[in-house]
Amino acid sequence: MFNVKEILKNAKTDPTLISNIDIDELLASIENTKNEHLDGKVLMDISEEIMEEIKELSWIHSKKTPEENVADLFHKLTDYRLISEIYQIHKGKHVRWIRRTNPNNTLVNGGIVMDVKFLDSGTIVVVKTTSPKIPIIQFKYDECITFQKMSQEELLILILGSQI
């Protein structure tokens, strides 16, 4: 796992990074993006939410120990956030999910969110995948644990929030 404080320290002392970052553009981008789902949170909060969720999964059919499974899954979800409410899903961003009905607790590779449909049968998330065989896939939000990849701006907000 990576050390956020060390990465931030290295970034502060790297002159090549400083010369390439347009602070005004970055701040304008952050202000124009909806980030209320991050209000009052730091990177550790996001990590703890994910950890709590994956610890609750049943690992009965796995060849690994529960601790190995949690660590493996947690590593795969670096830079993701847990979607606890449907309104937190952002179109155009990558999602991954675990079907609650799958006894193996397999993390689906996922894809880019194209649409969210509210039907009589439940809420459906429409995703564009990279697979040529199945370019579009849908999953029932209520039957899955959903994670969405955070943008660089979201990660920066969380990192800076932990420095305050």
Protein backbone atom coordinates (compact mmCIF):
# COMPACT_ATOMS: atom_id res chain seq x y z
CA MET A 1 0.00 0.00 0.00
CA PHE A 2 1.18 3.54 -0.62
CA ASN A 3 1.98 6.19 1.95
CA VAL A 4 -0.05 9.31 1.15
CA LYS A 5 2.07 11.61 3.32
CA GLU A 6 5.25 10.46 1.57
CA ILE A 7 3.70 10.97 -1.88
CA LEU A 8 2.53 14.45 -0.91
CA LYS A 9 5.97 15.32 0.52
CA ASN A 10 7.68 14.14 -2.68
CA ALA A 11 5.23 16.09 -4.82
CA LYS A 12 5.91 19.27 -2.84
CA THR A 13 9.67 18.98 -3.36
CA ASP A 14 9.60 17.92 -7.04
CA PRO A 15 10.24 21.06 -9.14
CA THR A 16 9.01 19.41 -12.36
CA LEU A 17 5.55 18.93 -10.88
CA ILE A 18 5.26 22.49 -9.65
CA SER A 19 6.10 23.96 -13.04
CA ASN A 20 3.46 21.85 -14.82
CA ILE A 21 0.52 22.48 -12.50
CA ASP A 22 -1.77 25.41 -13.23
CA ILE A 23 -3.20 26.07 -9.76
CA ASP A 24 -5.89 28.49 -10.98
CA GLU A 25 -7.13 25.99 -13.57
CA LEU A 26 -7.13 23.19 -11.02
CA LEU A 27 -9.07 25.24 -8.47
CA ALA A 28 -11.59 26.33 -11.11
CA SER A 29 -12.05 22.71 -12.15
CA ILE A 30 -12.65 21.63 -8.55
CA GLU A 31 -15.13 24.48 -7.94
CA ASN A 32 -17.11 23.61 -11.09
CA THR A 33 -17.40 19.93 -10.21
CA LYS A 34 -19.98 18.54 -7.83
CA ASN A 35 -18.03 17.14 -4.91
CA GLU A 36 -20.58 17.30 -2.09
CA HIS A 37 -20.20 13.54 -1.62
CA LEU A 38 -16.70 14.33 -0.26
CA ASP A 39 -17.75 17.07 2.19
CA GLY A 40 -15.98 16.60 5.50
CA LYS A 41 -14.19 13.44 4.37
CA VAL A 42 -10.52 12.58 4.03
CA LEU A 43 -8.87 9.71 2.19
CA MET A 44 -8.86 7.59 5.34
CA ASP A 45 -12.67 7.92 5.62
CA ILE A 46 -13.12 6.60 2.07
CA SER A 47 -10.74 3.71 2.76
CA GLU A 48 -12.53 2.82 5.99
CA GLU A 49 -15.94 2.79 4.26
CA ILE A 50 -14.62 0.36 1.64
CA MET A 51 -12.90 -1.80 4.25
CA GLU A 52 -16.05 -2.06 6.40
CA GLU A 53 -18.14 -3.03 3.38
CA ILE A 54 -15.82 -5.76 2.09
CA LYS A 55 -15.23 -7.21 5.57
CA GLU A 56 -18.96 -8.00 5.75
CA LEU A 57 -18.84 -10.24 2.67
CA SER A 58 -18.99 -14.00 3.13
CA TRP A 59 -15.86 -15.85 2.00
CA ILE A 60 -17.21 -19.40 2.37
CA HIS A 61 -16.40 -20.50 -1.20
CA SER A 62 -12.96 -18.93 -1.43
CA LYS A 63 -9.62 -20.75 -1.38
CA LYS A 64 -7.97 -17.79 0.35
CA THR A 65 -8.35 -16.83 3.98
CA PRO A 66 -10.82 -14.01 4.76
CA GLU A 67 -7.87 -11.72 5.57
CA GLU A 68 -6.21 -12.46 2.22
CA ASN A 69 -9.47 -11.83 0.37
CA VAL A 70 -10.09 -8.53 2.13
CA ALA A 71 -6.52 -7.36 1.45
CA ASP A 72 -6.70 -8.41 -2.21
CA LEU A 73 -10.06 -6.74 -2.77
CA PHE A 74 -9.01 -3.61 -0.89
CA HIS A 75 -5.90 -3.33 -3.09
CA LYS A 76 -8.01 -3.60 -6.25
CA LEU A 77 -10.25 -0.77 -5.01
CA THR A 78 -7.47 1.77 -4.51
CA ASP A 79 -8.69 5.15 -5.84
CA TYR A 80 -12.34 4.02 -5.71
CA ARG A 81 -15.10 5.17 -3.38
CA LEU A 82 -18.11 3.28 -2.10
CA ILE A 83 -21.42 4.33 -3.64
CA SER A 84 -23.85 4.11 -0.74
CA GLU A 85 -26.69 6.03 -2.46
CA ILE A 86 -27.69 5.95 -6.12
CA TYR A 87 -27.45 9.74 -6.51
CA GLN A 88 -23.68 9.48 -5.81
CA ILE A 89 -23.05 7.73 -9.14
CA HIS A 90 -21.54 10.07 -11.72
CA LYS A 91 -22.06 9.41 -15.42
CA GLY A 92 -18.86 9.16 -17.42
CA LYS A 93 -16.81 7.61 -14.59
CA HIS A 94 -15.62 4.05 -14.15
CA VAL A 95 -17.49 1.72 -11.79
CA ARG A 96 -16.87 -1.76 -10.44
CA TRP A 97 -19.27 -3.85 -8.40
CA ILE A 98 -19.74 -7.04 -6.45
CA ARG A 99 -23.03 -8.88 -6.78
CA ARG A 100 -24.43 -9.63 -3.34
CA THR A 101 -25.93 -12.85 -4.75
CA ASN A 102 -22.55 -14.14 -5.98
CA PRO A 103 -21.13 -16.56 -3.39
CA ASN A 104 -17.58 -15.97 -4.69
CA ASN A 105 -17.75 -12.19 -4.12
CA THR A 106 -16.16 -11.52 -7.50
CA LEU A 107 -15.28 -7.91 -8.25
CA VAL A 108 -16.53 -7.16 -11.76
CA ASN A 109 -14.09 -5.23 -13.99
CA GLY A 110 -16.90 -2.83 -14.80
CA GLY A 111 -16.78 0.10 -17.17
CA ILE A 112 -17.95 3.66 -17.74
CA VAL A 113 -21.40 4.67 -16.45
CA MET A 114 -23.61 5.69 -19.36
CA ASP A 115 -27.01 5.91 -17.71
CA VAL A 116 -29.06 5.14 -14.62
CA LYS A 117 -32.60 3.85 -15.20
CA PHE A 118 -35.37 3.78 -12.62
CA LEU A 119 -37.70 0.91 -13.49
CA ASP A 120 -40.51 -0.95 -11.71
CA SER A 121 -38.07 -3.85 -11.25
CA GLY A 122 -35.45 -1.64 -9.59
CA THR A 123 -32.64 0.76 -10.38
CA ILE A 124 -30.46 -0.26 -13.33
CA VAL A 125 -26.97 1.10 -14.06
CA VAL A 126 -25.97 0.96 -17.73
CA VAL A 127 -22.22 0.56 -18.27
CA LYS A 128 -19.98 0.67 -21.37
CA THR A 129 -17.28 -1.99 -21.11
CA THR A 130 -14.03 -2.48 -22.98
CA SER A 131 -15.08 -5.97 -24.10
CA PRO A 132 -15.93 -6.26 -27.81
CA LYS A 133 -18.15 -9.28 -27.05
CA ILE A 134 -20.27 -7.45 -24.46
CA PRO A 135 -19.87 -3.71 -25.08
CA ILE A 136 -22.83 -2.72 -22.87
CA ILE A 137 -23.77 -4.31 -19.56
CA GLN A 138 -26.46 -3.49 -17.03
CA PHE A 139 -26.61 -4.33 -13.35
CA LYS A 140 -29.23 -3.88 -10.66
CA TYR A 141 -27.89 -1.33 -8.24
CA ASP A 142 -29.83 -2.75 -5.28
CA GLU A 143 -28.30 -6.22 -5.77
CA CYS A 144 -24.69 -5.01 -5.86
CA ILE A 145 -22.04 -3.21 -3.84
CA THR A 146 -20.90 -0.45 -6.18
CA PHE A 147 -17.57 1.40 -6.26
CA GLN A 148 -16.69 4.35 -8.50
CA LYS A 149 -13.22 5.46 -9.50
CA MET A 150 -12.34 8.88 -8.14
CA SER A 151 -11.00 11.61 -10.39
CA GLN A 152 -7.67 13.32 -9.74
CA GLU A 153 -9.59 16.33 -8.44
CA GLU A 154 -11.51 14.17 -5.94
CA LEU A 155 -8.29 12.53 -4.74
CA LEU A 156 -6.66 15.94 -4.37
CA ILE A 157 -9.60 17.22 -2.30
CA LEU A 158 -9.32 14.20 0.00
CA ILE A 159 -5.54 14.45 0.33
CA LEU A 160 -5.63 18.18 1.01
CA GLY A 161 -8.48 17.69 3.45
CA SER A 162 -6.31 15.36 5.49
CA GLN A 163 -3.53 17.98 5.64
CA ILE A 164 -5.74 20.61 7.26
